[in-house]
Amino acid sequence: MNKQIGFIGGGQMAEALIKGMLAAKLYSADDIYLIEPNTIRRELMESKYGLQCIESHEKFWSECDIVLIAVKPQVMSKVLAAAQPFVTDDKIIITIAAGLPISFYETQLGSNGFKIIRVMPNTPALVLEGTSAICCNNNVTDKELQIAENIFNAVGISVLLDETYLDAATGLSGSGPAYVFSFIEALIDAGIKVGLTRYSAETMAVQTVLGAARLMEKEKKHPAVLRSMVTSPGGTSIAAHHFLEKKGFNGIIMDAVEIAVNKSIELGKQS
């Protein structure tokens, strides 16, 4: 791949993507540029990965064919205002900010003629196990969209969606790791309550979740079918499952995802 890519923002997600791209040999360090205002973070990224760190937006945008904006939604307007004089319609702009629709970028940049790809990744990308939902505007070609897919596939898997469904993806996979971590924490605490050491409880809880996910991935069966495999008549699993059903476990998870989706929609309206 001969295009040069630049990152605005050098936080954890940007670092995960850079690490994944380098490991997959999509880019060399010489082809990756970075704007990061935090001096300590900028120097760390430069020394760790050999990136080309640039302070000027003018030079940055002139060097990069693809620009990946990895900043929080709250500072996106400021970033786009600084970039706006130097953006041209041949650049591929990728954003990973939650909640902000493509129309927000078109408005902030003063044109609907730019190539904009919106992505909702999640934090398992930090260990190359991420899930990313991708959409784009009509200015992006299939070949350009494939570039974005390759980048995010380097840190996990990607799913192409219409932008209408990006808020749903945010509530499910974007925020999803938080729900899973809460579940794992509860399993660990439960193990400790019934007498296991913290180390034993944590080891078993993490591996139980990993193993269950891998089993479902491999078997490609409905979760109810897989659950029946460990639910013996009159046994421990059915007793526990009955209690979860009485407490509305499934409904609680569904409500949590819906709340996250609505919050994503709200963030988009505030932009």
C-alpha atoms as a PDB file:
ATOM      1  CA  MET A   1       0.000   0.000   0.000  1.00  0.00           C
ATOM      2  CA  ASN A   2       1.617   3.227  -1.113  1.00  0.00           C
ATOM      3  CA  LYS A   3      -0.745   5.782   0.420  1.00  0.00           C
ATOM      4  CA  GLN A   4       0.456   7.739   3.431  1.00  0.00           C
ATOM      5  CA  ILE A   5      -1.768   7.859   6.479  1.00  0.00           C
ATOM      6  CA  GLY A   6      -1.959  10.421   9.257  1.00  0.00           C
ATOM      7  CA  PHE A   7      -3.487  10.266  12.720  1.00  0.00           C
ATOM      8  CA  ILE A   8      -4.900  13.277  14.528  1.00  0.00           C
ATOM      9  CA  GLY A   9      -4.762  12.143  18.133  1.00  0.00           C
ATOM     10  CA  GLY A  10      -2.342   9.595  19.508  1.00  0.00           C
ATOM     11  CA  GLY A  11      -4.400   7.945  22.245  1.00  0.00           C
ATOM     12  CA  GLN A  12      -4.922   4.256  22.978  1.00  0.00           C
ATOM     13  CA  MET A  13      -7.177   3.519  20.007  1.00  0.00           C
ATOM     14  CA  ALA A  14      -4.832   5.277  17.596  1.00  0.00           C
ATOM     15  CA  GLU A  15      -1.929   3.307  19.036  1.00  0.00           C
ATOM     16  CA  ALA A  16      -3.853   0.030  18.665  1.00  0.00           C
ATOM     17  CA  LEU A  17      -4.554   0.800  15.012  1.00  0.00           C
ATOM     18  CA  ILE A  18      -0.958   1.788  14.342  1.00  0.00           C
ATOM     19  CA  LYS A  19       0.302  -1.373  16.033  1.00  0.00           C
ATOM     20  CA  GLY A  20      -2.106  -3.492  13.997  1.00  0.00           C
ATOM     21  CA  MET A  21      -1.246  -1.803  10.699  1.00  0.00           C
ATOM     22  CA  LEU A  22       2.466  -2.241  11.266  1.00  0.00           C
ATOM     23  CA  ALA A  23       2.053  -5.886  12.292  1.00  0.00           C
ATOM     24  CA  ALA A  24      -0.045  -6.561   9.186  1.00  0.00           C
ATOM     25  CA  LYS A  25       2.496  -4.680   7.063  1.00  0.00           C
ATOM     26  CA  LEU A  26      -0.211  -2.412   5.642  1.00  0.00           C
ATOM     27  CA  TYR A  27       2.106   0.546   6.189  1.00  0.00           C
ATOM     28  CA  SER A  28       5.670   1.190   7.210  1.00  0.00           C
ATOM     29  CA  ALA A  29       6.471   3.621  10.006  1.00  0.00           C
ATOM     30  CA  ASP A  30       7.777   6.057   7.377  1.00  0.00           C
ATOM     31  CA  ASP A  31       4.278   6.263   5.894  1.00  0.00           C
ATOM     32  CA  ILE A  32       2.513   7.097   9.178  1.00  0.00           C
ATOM     33  CA  TYR A  33       2.174  10.686  10.420  1.00  0.00           C
ATOM     34  CA  LEU A  34       0.839  11.977  13.715  1.00  0.00           C
ATOM     35  CA  ILE A  35      -0.500  15.200  15.213  1.00  0.00           C
ATOM     36  CA  GLU A  36      -0.639  14.904  19.013  1.00  0.00           C
ATOM     37  CA  PRO A  37      -0.654  18.042  21.213  1.00  0.00           C
ATOM     38  CA  ASN A  38       0.447  16.225  24.363  1.00  0.00           C
ATOM     39  CA  THR A  39       4.255  16.372  24.344  1.00  0.00           C
ATOM     40  CA  ILE A  40       4.808  13.274  26.482  1.00  0.00           C
ATOM     41  CA  ARG A  41       2.404  11.186  24.425  1.00  0.00           C
ATOM     42  CA  ARG A  42       3.811  12.498  21.144  1.00  0.00           C
ATOM     43  CA  GLU A  43       7.394  11.691  22.098  1.00  0.00           C
ATOM     44  CA  LEU A  44       6.363   8.229  23.302  1.00  0.00           C
ATOM     45  CA  MET A  45       4.614   7.413  20.021  1.00  0.00           C
ATOM     46  CA  GLU A  46       7.526   8.769  18.010  1.00  0.00           C
ATOM     47  CA  SER A  47      10.153   6.772  19.893  1.00  0.00           C
ATOM     48  CA  LYS A  48       8.077   3.589  20.150  1.00  0.00           C
ATOM     49  CA  TYR A  49       6.912   3.349  16.546  1.00  0.00           C
ATOM     50  CA  GLY A  50       9.202   5.669  14.572  1.00  0.00           C
ATOM     51  CA  LEU A  51       6.308   7.800  13.320  1.00  0.00           C
ATOM     52  CA  GLN A  52       6.592  11.149  11.608  1.00  0.00           C
ATOM     53  CA  CYS A  53       5.257  13.658  14.152  1.00  0.00           C
ATOM     54  CA  ILE A  54       4.059  16.976  12.727  1.00  0.00           C
ATOM     55  CA  GLU A  55       2.713  20.066  14.498  1.00  0.00           C
ATOM     56  CA  SER A  56       1.425  22.005  11.470  1.00  0.00           C
ATOM     57  CA  HIS A  57      -1.965  21.057  10.022  1.00  0.00           C
ATOM     58  CA  GLU A  58      -0.896  22.521   6.699  1.00  0.00           C
ATOM     59  CA  LYS A  59       2.119  20.195   6.379  1.00  0.00           C
ATOM     60  CA  PHE A  60       0.202  17.254   7.852  1.00  0.00           C
ATOM     61  CA  TRP A  61      -2.641  17.443   5.340  1.00  0.00           C
ATOM     62  CA  SER A  62      -0.265  17.985   2.430  1.00  0.00           C
ATOM     63  CA  GLU A  63       1.649  14.797   3.329  1.00  0.00           C
ATOM     64  CA  CYS A  64      -1.278  12.460   4.042  1.00  0.00           C
ATOM     65  CA  ASP A  65      -3.609  10.731   1.599  1.00  0.00           C
ATOM     66  CA  ILE A  66      -5.664   9.230   4.428  1.00  0.00           C
ATOM     67  CA  VAL A  67      -6.399  11.036   7.687  1.00  0.00           C
ATOM     68  CA  LEU A  68      -7.767   9.137  10.681  1.00  0.00           C
ATOM     69  CA  ILE A  69      -9.212  11.456  13.315  1.00  0.00           C
ATOM     70  CA  ALA A  70      -8.947   9.796  16.724  1.00  0.00           C
ATOM     71  CA  VAL A  71     -10.105  12.464  19.169  1.00  0.00           C
ATOM     72  CA  LYS A  72     -13.042  12.750  21.565  1.00  0.00           C
ATOM     73  CA  PRO A  73     -16.341  14.125  20.213  1.00  0.00           C
ATOM     74  CA  GLN A  74     -16.071  17.079  22.594  1.00  0.00           C
ATOM     75  CA  VAL A  75     -12.988  18.479  20.827  1.00  0.00           C
ATOM     76  CA  MET A  76     -13.883  17.484  17.261  1.00  0.00           C
ATOM     77  CA  SER A  77     -15.165  20.944  16.266  1.00  0.00           C
ATOM     78  CA  LYS A  78     -11.863  22.527  17.308  1.00  0.00           C
ATOM     79  CA  VAL A  79      -9.852  19.930  15.390  1.00  0.00           C
ATOM     80  CA  LEU A  80     -11.925  20.339  12.230  1.00  0.00           C
ATOM     81  CA  ALA A  81     -11.714  24.135  12.429  1.00  0.00           C
ATOM     82  CA  ALA A  82      -7.908  23.892  12.464  1.00  0.00           C
ATOM     83  CA  ALA A  83      -7.918  21.422   9.583  1.00  0.00           C
ATOM     84  CA  GLN A  84     -10.598  23.021   7.383  1.00  0.00           C
ATOM     85  CA  PRO A  85      -8.345  25.377   5.367  1.00  0.00           C
ATOM     86  CA  PHE A  86      -6.148  22.453   4.264  1.00  0.00           C
ATOM     87  CA  VAL A  87      -8.658  19.684   3.529  1.00  0.00           C
ATOM     88  CA  THR A  88      -9.082  18.765  -0.126  1.00  0.00           C
ATOM     89  CA  ASP A  89     -11.608  16.455  -1.758  1.00  0.00           C
ATOM     90  CA  ASP A  90      -8.988  13.860  -2.689  1.00  0.00           C
ATOM     91  CA  LYS A  91      -8.294  12.998   0.977  1.00  0.00           C
ATOM     92  CA  ILE A  92      -9.908  10.011   2.668  1.00  0.00           C
ATOM     93  CA  ILE A  93     -11.112  11.106   6.114  1.00  0.00           C
ATOM     94  CA  ILE A  94     -11.801   8.390   8.698  1.00  0.00           C
ATOM     95  CA  THR A  95     -13.329   9.264  12.063  1.00  0.00           C
ATOM     96  CA  ILE A  96     -13.802   7.064  15.135  1.00  0.00           C
ATOM     97  CA  ALA A  97     -15.661   9.562  17.339  1.00  0.00           C
ATOM     98  CA  ALA A  98     -18.840   8.173  18.901  1.00  0.00           C
ATOM     99  CA  GLY A  99     -22.187   9.742  18.067  1.00  0.00           C
ATOM    100  CA  LEU A 100     -21.096  12.306  15.469  1.00  0.00           C
ATOM    101  CA  PRO A 101     -22.813  11.704  12.113  1.00  0.00           C
ATOM    102  CA  ILE A 102     -21.144  12.172   8.741  1.00  0.00           C
ATOM    103  CA  SER A 103     -23.269  15.285   8.206  1.00  0.00           C
ATOM    104  CA  PHE A 104     -21.502  16.889  11.180  1.00  0.00           C
ATOM    105  CA  TYR A 105     -18.139  16.629   9.415  1.00  0.00           C
ATOM    106  CA  GLU A 106     -19.568  17.918   6.149  1.00  0.00           C
ATOM    107  CA  THR A 107     -21.029  20.930   7.949  1.00  0.00           C
ATOM    108  CA  GLN A 108     -17.870  21.647   9.940  1.00  0.00           C
ATOM    109  CA  LEU A 109     -15.639  21.339   6.860  1.00  0.00           C
ATOM    110  CA  GLY A 110     -18.003  23.448   4.760  1.00  0.00           C
ATOM    111  CA  SER A 111     -18.673  20.925   1.988  1.00  0.00           C
ATOM    112  CA  ASN A 112     -20.457  17.650   1.295  1.00  0.00           C
ATOM    113  CA  GLY A 113     -17.871  16.811  -1.359  1.00  0.00           C
ATOM    114  CA  PHE A 114     -15.299  15.216   0.954  1.00  0.00           C
ATOM    115  CA  LYS A 115     -14.688  11.474   1.328  1.00  0.00           C
ATOM    116  CA  ILE A 116     -15.746  10.625   4.874  1.00  0.00           C
ATOM    117  CA  ILE A 117     -15.747   7.210   6.520  1.00  0.00           C
ATOM    118  CA  ARG A 118     -17.243   6.837   9.980  1.00  0.00           C
ATOM    119  CA  VAL A 119     -16.157   3.924  12.175  1.00  0.00           C
ATOM    120  CA  MET A 120     -17.244   2.699  15.607  1.00  0.00           C
ATOM    121  CA  PRO A 121     -14.460   0.450  16.967  1.00  0.00           C
ATOM    122  CA  ASN A 122     -14.240  -0.993  20.463  1.00  0.00           C
ATOM    123  CA  THR A 123     -11.475  -1.354  23.024  1.00  0.00           C
ATOM    124  CA  PRO A 124     -10.556  -5.031  22.367  1.00  0.00           C
ATOM    125  CA  ALA A 125      -8.782  -3.550  19.349  1.00  0.00           C
ATOM    126  CA  LEU A 126      -6.014  -2.889  21.887  1.00  0.00           C
ATOM    127  CA  VAL A 127      -5.267  -6.633  21.792  1.00  0.00           C
ATOM    128  CA  LEU A 128      -6.166  -7.022  18.096  1.00  0.00           C
ATOM    129  CA  GLU A 129      -9.590  -8.503  18.934  1.00  0.00           C
ATOM    130  CA  GLY A 130     -11.754  -5.500  18.122  1.00  0.00           C
ATOM    131  CA  THR A 131     -15.127  -5.181  16.420  1.00  0.00           C
ATOM    132  CA  SER A 132     -15.585  -2.156  14.155  1.00  0.00           C
ATOM    133  CA  ALA A 133     -18.761  -0.951  12.434  1.00  0.00           C
ATOM    134  CA  ILE A 134     -18.023   1.040   9.262  1.00  0.00           C
ATOM    135  CA  CYS A 135     -20.120   3.341   7.081  1.00  0.00           C
ATOM    136  CA  CYS A 136     -19.317   6.090   4.576  1.00  0.00           C
ATOM    137  CA  ASN A 137     -20.820   8.819   2.430  1.00  0.00           C
ATOM    138  CA  ASN A 138     -21.424   8.559  -1.298  1.00  0.00           C
ATOM    139  CA  ASN A 139     -18.099  10.169  -2.201  1.00  0.00           C
ATOM    140  CA  VAL A 140     -16.147   7.113  -1.027  1.00  0.00           C
ATOM    141  CA  THR A 141     -15.437   4.461  -3.659  1.00  0.00           C
ATOM    142  CA  ASP A 142     -15.507   0.732  -2.974  1.00  0.00           C
ATOM    143  CA  LYS A 143     -11.717   0.651  -3.258  1.00  0.00           C
ATOM    144  CA  GLU A 144     -11.360   3.458  -0.704  1.00  0.00           C
ATOM    145  CA  LEU A 145     -13.810   1.753   1.639  1.00  0.00           C
ATOM    146  CA  GLN A 146     -11.686  -1.391   1.356  1.00  0.00           C
ATOM    147  CA  ILE A 147      -8.706   0.601   2.628  1.00  0.00           C
ATOM    148  CA  ALA A 148     -10.636   1.390   5.813  1.00  0.00           C
ATOM    149  CA  GLU A 149     -11.743  -2.233   6.141  1.00  0.00           C
ATOM    150  CA  ASN A 150      -8.134  -3.399   5.872  1.00  0.00           C
ATOM    151  CA  ILE A 151      -7.052  -0.985   8.597  1.00  0.00           C
ATOM    152  CA  PHE A 152      -9.704  -2.110  11.073  1.00  0.00           C
ATOM    153  CA  ASN A 153      -9.424  -5.781  10.150  1.00  0.00           C
ATOM    154  CA  ALA A 154      -5.796  -5.474  11.270  1.00  0.00           C
ATOM    155  CA  VAL A 155      -7.104  -5.061  14.838  1.00  0.00           C
ATOM    156  CA  GLY A 156     -10.013  -7.519  14.709  1.00  0.00           C
ATOM    157  CA  ILE A 157     -13.033  -7.707  12.433  1.00  0.00           C
ATOM    158  CA  SER A 158     -15.142  -5.066  10.688  1.00  0.00           C
ATOM    159  CA  VAL A 159     -18.787  -4.953   9.649  1.00  0.00           C
ATOM    160  CA  LEU A 160     -20.149  -2.665   6.915  1.00  0.00           C
ATOM    161  CA  LEU A 161     -23.387  -0.939   7.882  1.00  0.00           C
ATOM    162  CA  ASP A 162     -25.615   1.853   6.673  1.00  0.00           C
ATOM    163  CA  GLU A 163     -25.047   4.920   8.865  1.00  0.00           C
ATOM    164  CA  THR A 164     -28.606   4.512  10.161  1.00  0.00           C
ATOM    165  CA  TYR A 165     -27.329   1.582  12.221  1.00  0.00           C
ATOM    166  CA  LEU A 166     -24.150   3.142  13.633  1.00  0.00           C
ATOM    167  CA  ASP A 167     -25.868   4.198  16.857  1.00  0.00           C
ATOM    168  CA  ALA A 168     -27.112   0.612  17.295  1.00  0.00           C
ATOM    169  CA  ALA A 169     -23.563  -0.658  16.745  1.00  0.00           C
ATOM    170  CA  THR A 170     -22.314   1.855  19.308  1.00  0.00           C
ATOM    171  CA  GLY A 171     -24.734   0.542  21.928  1.00  0.00           C
ATOM    172  CA  LEU A 172     -23.987  -3.106  21.174  1.00  0.00           C
ATOM    173  CA  SER A 173     -20.298  -3.516  20.301  1.00  0.00           C
ATOM    174  CA  GLY A 174     -18.904  -0.050  21.015  1.00  0.00           C
ATOM    175  CA  SER A 175     -20.097  -0.063  24.629  1.00  0.00           C
ATOM    176  CA  GLY A 176     -20.388  -3.853  24.778  1.00  0.00           C
ATOM    177  CA  PRO A 177     -17.013  -4.527  26.419  1.00  0.00           C
ATOM    178  CA  ALA A 178     -18.182  -2.511  29.441  1.00  0.00           C
ATOM    179  CA  TYR A 179     -21.127  -4.867  29.943  1.00  0.00           C
ATOM    180  CA  VAL A 180     -18.878  -7.915  29.574  1.00  0.00           C
ATOM    181  CA  PHE A 181     -16.353  -6.518  32.060  1.00  0.00           C
ATOM    182  CA  SER A 182     -19.181  -5.908  34.542  1.00  0.00           C
ATOM    183  CA  PHE A 183     -20.348  -9.504  34.077  1.00  0.00           C
ATOM    184  CA  ILE A 184     -16.827 -10.840  34.595  1.00  0.00           C
ATOM    185  CA  GLU A 185     -16.422  -8.691  37.699  1.00  0.00           C
ATOM    186  CA  ALA A 186     -19.680 -10.115  39.062  1.00  0.00           C
ATOM    187  CA  LEU A 187     -18.496 -13.682  38.371  1.00  0.00           C
ATOM    188  CA  ILE A 188     -15.230 -12.983  40.196  1.00  0.00           C
ATOM    189  CA  ASP A 189     -17.021 -11.485  43.198  1.00  0.00           C
ATOM    190  CA  ALA A 190     -19.396 -14.449  43.243  1.00  0.00           C
ATOM    191  CA  GLY A 191     -16.457 -16.842  43.254  1.00  0.00           C
ATOM    192  CA  ILE A 192     -14.893 -15.001  46.182  1.00  0.00           C
ATOM    193  CA  LYS A 193     -18.220 -15.022  48.046  1.00  0.00           C
ATOM    194  CA  VAL A 194     -18.441 -18.801  47.818  1.00  0.00           C
ATOM    195  CA  GLY A 195     -14.874 -19.266  49.065  1.00  0.00           C
ATOM    196  CA  LEU A 196     -12.486 -19.088  46.098  1.00  0.00           C
ATOM    197  CA  THR A 197      -9.361 -16.960  46.243  1.00  0.00           C
ATOM    198  CA  ARG A 198      -9.423 -13.832  44.070  1.00  0.00           C
ATOM    199  CA  TYR A 199      -6.739 -15.279  41.808  1.00  0.00           C
ATOM    200  CA  SER A 200      -8.644 -18.527  41.280  1.00  0.00           C
ATOM    201  CA  ALA A 201     -11.962 -16.739  40.766  1.00  0.00           C
ATOM    202  CA  GLU A 202     -10.467 -14.296  38.268  1.00  0.00           C
ATOM    203  CA  THR A 203      -8.630 -17.020  36.340  1.00  0.00           C
ATOM    204  CA  MET A 204     -11.736 -19.184  36.047  1.00  0.00           C
ATOM    205  CA  ALA A 205     -14.123 -16.326  35.276  1.00  0.00           C
ATOM    206  CA  VAL A 206     -11.987 -14.921  32.440  1.00  0.00           C
ATOM    207  CA  GLN A 207     -11.373 -18.321  30.880  1.00  0.00           C
ATOM    208  CA  THR A 208     -15.045 -19.263  31.217  1.00  0.00           C
ATOM    209  CA  VAL A 209     -16.099 -16.184  29.232  1.00  0.00           C
ATOM    210  CA  LEU A 210     -13.329 -16.679  26.656  1.00  0.00           C
ATOM    211  CA  GLY A 211     -14.135 -20.359  26.276  1.00  0.00           C
ATOM    212  CA  ALA A 212     -17.873 -19.777  25.931  1.00  0.00           C
ATOM    213  CA  ALA A 213     -17.333 -17.112  23.263  1.00  0.00           C
ATOM    214  CA  ARG A 214     -14.911 -19.318  21.327  1.00  0.00           C
ATOM    215  CA  LEU A 215     -17.283 -22.291  21.531  1.00  0.00           C
ATOM    216  CA  MET A 216     -20.116 -20.212  20.087  1.00  0.00           C
ATOM    217  CA  GLU A 217     -17.831 -18.836  17.381  1.00  0.00           C
ATOM    218  CA  LYS A 218     -16.715 -22.336  16.390  1.00  0.00           C
ATOM    219  CA  GLU A 219     -20.040 -24.174  16.666  1.00  0.00           C
ATOM    220  CA  LYS A 220     -22.112 -21.358  15.096  1.00  0.00           C
ATOM    221  CA  LYS A 221     -25.167 -22.457  17.075  1.00  0.00           C
ATOM    222  CA  HIS A 222     -27.809 -20.359  18.776  1.00  0.00           C
ATOM    223  CA  PRO A 223     -26.773 -19.505  22.361  1.00  0.00           C
ATOM    224  CA  ALA A 224     -29.886 -21.270  23.690  1.00  0.00           C
ATOM    225  CA  VAL A 225     -28.695 -24.505  22.068  1.00  0.00           C
ATOM    226  CA  LEU A 226     -25.240 -24.144  23.617  1.00  0.00           C
ATOM    227  CA  ARG A 227     -26.774 -23.301  26.983  1.00  0.00           C
ATOM    228  CA  SER A 228     -28.823 -26.522  26.838  1.00  0.00           C
ATOM    229  CA  MET A 229     -25.541 -28.448  26.599  1.00  0.00           C
ATOM    230  CA  VAL A 230     -24.657 -27.420  30.167  1.00  0.00           C
ATOM    231  CA  THR A 231     -28.183 -27.444  31.572  1.00  0.00           C
ATOM    232  CA  SER A 232     -28.883 -30.882  33.008  1.00  0.00           C
ATOM    233  CA  PRO A 233     -32.346 -31.844  34.334  1.00  0.00           C
ATOM    234  CA  GLY A 234     -32.613 -30.862  37.972  1.00  0.00           C
ATOM    235  CA  GLY A 235     -29.043 -29.572  37.961  1.00  0.00           C
ATOM    236  CA  THR A 236     -27.161 -26.492  39.066  1.00  0.00           C
ATOM    237  CA  SER A 237     -27.277 -24.618  35.756  1.00  0.00           C
ATOM    238  CA  ILE A 238     -31.058 -24.768  35.359  1.00  0.00           C
ATOM    239  CA  ALA A 239     -31.491 -23.597  38.958  1.00  0.00           C
ATOM    240  CA  ALA A 240     -29.243 -20.597  38.322  1.00  0.00           C
ATOM    241  CA  HIS A 241     -30.848 -19.888  34.934  1.00  0.00           C
ATOM    242  CA  HIS A 242     -34.303 -19.923  36.514  1.00  0.00           C
ATOM    243  CA  PHE A 243     -33.158 -17.295  39.006  1.00  0.00           C
ATOM    244  CA  LEU A 244     -31.692 -15.108  36.224  1.00  0.00           C
ATOM    245  CA  GLU A 245     -34.968 -15.367  34.285  1.00  0.00           C
ATOM    246  CA  LYS A 246     -36.987 -14.341  37.352  1.00  0.00           C
ATOM    247  CA  LYS A 247     -34.745 -11.297  37.855  1.00  0.00           C
ATOM    248  CA  GLY A 248     -35.069 -10.255  34.209  1.00  0.00           C
ATOM    249  CA  PHE A 249     -31.427 -10.797  33.243  1.00  0.00           C
ATOM    250  CA  ASN A 250     -32.045 -10.719  29.483  1.00  0.00           C
ATOM    251  CA  GLY A 251     -34.315  -7.697  29.761  1.00  0.00           C
ATOM    252  CA  ILE A 252     -31.725  -5.802  31.803  1.00  0.00           C
ATOM    253  CA  ILE A 253     -29.051  -6.352  29.128  1.00  0.00           C
ATOM    254  CA  MET A 254     -31.452  -5.355  26.352  1.00  0.00           C
ATOM    255  CA  ASP A 255     -32.414  -2.208  28.254  1.00  0.00           C
ATOM    256  CA  ALA A 256     -28.744  -1.336  28.829  1.00  0.00           C
ATOM    257  CA  VAL A 257     -27.934  -1.623  25.121  1.00  0.00           C
ATOM    258  CA  GLU A 258     -30.990   0.478  24.223  1.00  0.00           C
ATOM    259  CA  ILE A 259     -29.975   3.161  26.731  1.00  0.00           C
ATOM    260  CA  ALA A 260     -26.489   3.298  25.190  1.00  0.00           C
ATOM    261  CA  VAL A 261     -27.991   3.553  21.692  1.00  0.00           C
ATOM    262  CA  ASN A 262     -30.246   6.424  22.765  1.00  0.00           C
ATOM    263  CA  LYS A 263     -27.274   8.198  24.345  1.00  0.00           C
ATOM    264  CA  SER A 264     -25.366   7.877  21.068  1.00  0.00           C
ATOM    265  CA  ILE A 265     -28.320   9.394  19.224  1.00  0.00           C
ATOM    266  CA  GLU A 266     -28.448  12.208  21.775  1.00  0.00           C
ATOM    267  CA  LEU A 267     -24.743  12.950  21.293  1.00  0.00           C
ATOM    268  CA  GLY A 268     -25.306  13.197  17.558  1.00  0.00           C
ATOM    269  CA  LYS A 269     -28.141  15.690  17.995  1.00  0.00           C
ATOM    270  CA  GLN A 270     -25.976  17.863  20.250  1.00  0.00           C
ATOM    271  CA  SER A 271     -23.260  18.147  17.600  1.00  0.00           C
END
